[in-house]
């Protein structure tokens, strides 16, 4: 079993928090406003990608410290931290689909639906905001 690196986890959580703060003004935009600026859309996509990837990094590190088999995909990494009490199962279920959005943004499987990305901003701010608190609580419980 690997030892829990609290400093690493907190660095990742801080990165998530910074990105969520950067996304705050986007949440208030209408779709036409969002569509006006291609560079803003690309920045939003990248910020969302980084939020998910930092969360996955935390998930995999924590799961490794628990000595459980690592999941084969990002979706399951979120489900598994819910199964192991790091976050609530309900929160884990809400977070897991973010892995699919991340994959679509990175790999461009399909054309990016800007309306979905814009809606994902509010979801990310709500759910990853709760994730930050839950993981910090976990770190304090296991101290």
Protein backbone atom coordinates (compact mmCIF):
# COMPACT_ATOMS: atom_id res chain seq x y z
CA UNK A 1 0.00 0.00 0.00
CA UNK A 2 1.19 3.52 -0.85
CA UNK A 3 1.24 6.23 1.81
CA UNK A 4 -1.26 9.04 1.34
CA UNK A 5 0.56 12.14 0.07
CA UNK A 6 -1.62 14.88 1.55
CA UNK A 7 0.49 17.65 -0.03
CA UNK A 8 -0.02 16.14 -3.49
CA UNK A 9 -3.75 15.78 -2.95
CA UNK A 10 -4.05 19.34 -1.68
CA UNK A 11 -2.09 20.69 -4.68
CA UNK A 12 -4.54 18.93 -6.98
CA UNK A 13 -7.50 20.23 -4.97
CA UNK A 14 -6.07 23.77 -5.18
CA UNK A 15 -5.80 23.44 -8.97
CA UNK A 16 -9.43 22.35 -9.13
CA UNK A 17 -10.47 25.27 -6.93
CA UNK A 18 -8.57 27.77 -9.12
CA UNK A 19 -10.17 26.42 -12.28
CA UNK A 20 -13.64 26.47 -10.74
CA UNK A 21 -13.09 30.10 -9.74
CA UNK A 22 -11.97 30.91 -13.29
CA UNK A 23 -15.15 29.30 -14.61
CA UNK A 24 -17.45 31.32 -12.34
CA UNK A 25 -18.10 34.18 -14.79
CA UNK A 26 -18.87 31.71 -17.59
CA UNK A 27 -21.77 30.24 -15.64
CA UNK A 28 -23.74 33.48 -16.08
CA UNK A 29 -23.39 33.57 -19.87
CA UNK A 30 -26.19 32.74 -22.25
CA UNK A 31 -25.39 30.34 -25.07
CA UNK A 32 -25.24 33.15 -27.68
CA UNK A 33 -22.83 35.07 -25.44
CA UNK A 34 -20.72 31.96 -24.93
CA UNK A 35 -20.61 31.29 -28.67
CA UNK A 36 -19.31 34.81 -29.44
CA UNK A 37 -15.73 34.09 -28.46
CA UNK A 38 -13.92 30.99 -29.74
CA UNK A 39 -10.90 31.58 -27.49
CA UNK A 40 -13.14 31.75 -24.42
CA UNK A 41 -14.81 28.48 -25.46
CA UNK A 42 -11.42 26.80 -25.86
CA UNK A 43 -10.31 28.14 -22.47
CA UNK A 44 -13.49 26.78 -20.85
CA UNK A 45 -12.94 23.38 -22.44
CA UNK A 46 -9.36 23.29 -21.15
CA UNK A 47 -10.35 24.38 -17.64
CA UNK A 48 -13.01 21.66 -17.48
CA UNK A 49 -10.53 19.10 -18.76
CA UNK A 50 -8.02 20.09 -16.08
CA UNK A 51 -10.67 19.90 -13.35
CA UNK A 52 -11.56 16.34 -14.31
CA UNK A 53 -7.95 15.24 -14.72
CA UNK A 54 -6.93 16.65 -11.33
CA UNK A 55 -9.90 14.86 -9.78
CA UNK A 56 -8.90 11.60 -11.42
CA UNK A 57 -5.33 12.07 -10.18
CA UNK A 58 -6.65 12.46 -6.65
CA UNK A 59 -8.98 9.49 -7.04
CA UNK A 60 -6.25 7.17 -8.29
CA UNK A 61 -3.79 8.26 -5.62
CA UNK A 62 -6.32 7.75 -2.82
CA UNK A 63 -7.46 4.39 -4.21
CA UNK A 64 -3.84 3.29 -4.44
CA UNK A 65 -3.34 4.18 -0.76
CA UNK A 66 -6.38 2.09 0.12
CA UNK A 67 -4.81 -0.90 -1.59
CA UNK A 68 -7.72 -1.49 -3.93
CA UNK A 69 -7.30 -2.46 -7.59
CA UNK A 70 -7.12 0.62 -9.76
CA UNK A 71 -10.01 1.08 -12.18
CA UNK A 72 -9.49 0.84 -15.89
CA UNK A 73 -11.16 4.14 -16.73
CA UNK A 74 -11.79 7.60 -15.36
CA UNK A 75 -15.54 7.06 -14.94
CA UNK A 76 -14.96 4.12 -12.63
CA UNK A 77 -12.33 6.06 -10.69
CA UNK A 78 -15.08 8.42 -9.57
CA UNK A 79 -17.49 5.58 -8.80
CA UNK A 80 -14.83 3.78 -6.77
CA UNK A 81 -14.06 6.71 -4.49
CA UNK A 82 -17.76 6.74 -3.66
CA UNK A 83 -17.68 3.00 -2.95
CA UNK A 84 -14.73 3.48 -0.60
CA UNK A 85 -16.19 6.36 1.39
CA UNK A 86 -13.99 9.19 0.15
CA UNK A 87 -17.04 11.00 -1.22
CA UNK A 88 -20.69 10.05 -1.00
CA UNK A 89 -21.90 7.51 -3.56
CA UNK A 90 -24.42 10.09 -4.78
CA UNK A 91 -21.69 12.66 -5.43
CA UNK A 92 -19.54 10.01 -7.12
CA UNK A 93 -22.45 9.18 -9.46
CA UNK A 94 -22.84 12.85 -10.36
CA UNK A 95 -19.09 13.30 -10.97
CA UNK A 96 -18.47 10.18 -13.04
CA UNK A 97 -20.04 11.47 -16.30
CA UNK A 98 -17.50 14.32 -16.28
CA UNK A 99 -14.99 11.70 -17.39
CA UNK A 100 -16.95 11.23 -20.60
CA UNK A 101 -17.01 14.97 -21.25
CA UNK A 102 -13.26 15.10 -20.66
CA UNK A 103 -12.73 12.29 -23.17
CA UNK A 104 -14.85 14.03 -25.80
CA UNK A 105 -12.96 17.29 -25.29
CA UNK A 106 -9.53 15.67 -25.43
CA UNK A 107 -10.07 13.08 -28.14
CA UNK A 108 -12.74 14.93 -30.13
CA UNK A 109 -14.71 11.75 -30.74
CA UNK A 110 -17.61 13.85 -31.95
CA UNK A 111 -18.15 17.50 -32.70
CA UNK A 112 -18.15 19.47 -29.44
CA UNK A 113 -21.65 20.55 -28.44
CA UNK A 114 -21.11 24.01 -26.97
CA UNK A 115 -24.46 23.95 -25.17
CA UNK A 116 -23.40 20.81 -23.30
CA UNK A 117 -20.04 22.34 -22.41
CA UNK A 118 -21.70 25.49 -21.12
CA UNK A 119 -24.12 23.45 -18.97
CA UNK A 120 -21.15 21.43 -17.71
CA UNK A 121 -19.68 24.60 -16.20
CA UNK A 122 -22.51 24.90 -13.67
CA UNK A 123 -22.42 21.16 -12.99
CA UNK A 124 -18.66 21.23 -12.44
CA UNK A 125 -18.82 24.23 -10.14
CA UNK A 126 -21.51 22.55 -8.04
CA UNK A 127 -20.25 18.97 -8.03
CA UNK A 128 -16.51 19.54 -7.98
CA UNK A 129 -17.05 22.20 -5.33
CA UNK A 130 -18.66 19.46 -3.22
CA UNK A 131 -15.83 17.10 -4.20
CA UNK A 132 -13.25 19.56 -2.82
CA UNK A 133 -15.02 19.60 0.55
CA UNK A 134 -15.52 15.84 0.63
CA UNK A 135 -11.89 15.04 -0.15
CA UNK A 136 -10.65 17.59 2.39
CA UNK A 137 -12.97 15.97 4.98
CA UNK A 138 -11.50 12.60 4.04
CA UNK A 139 -7.97 13.92 4.53
CA UNK A 140 -8.90 15.20 7.98
CA UNK A 141 -10.67 11.95 8.95
CA UNK A 142 -7.63 9.91 7.98
CA UNK A 143 -5.04 12.20 9.56
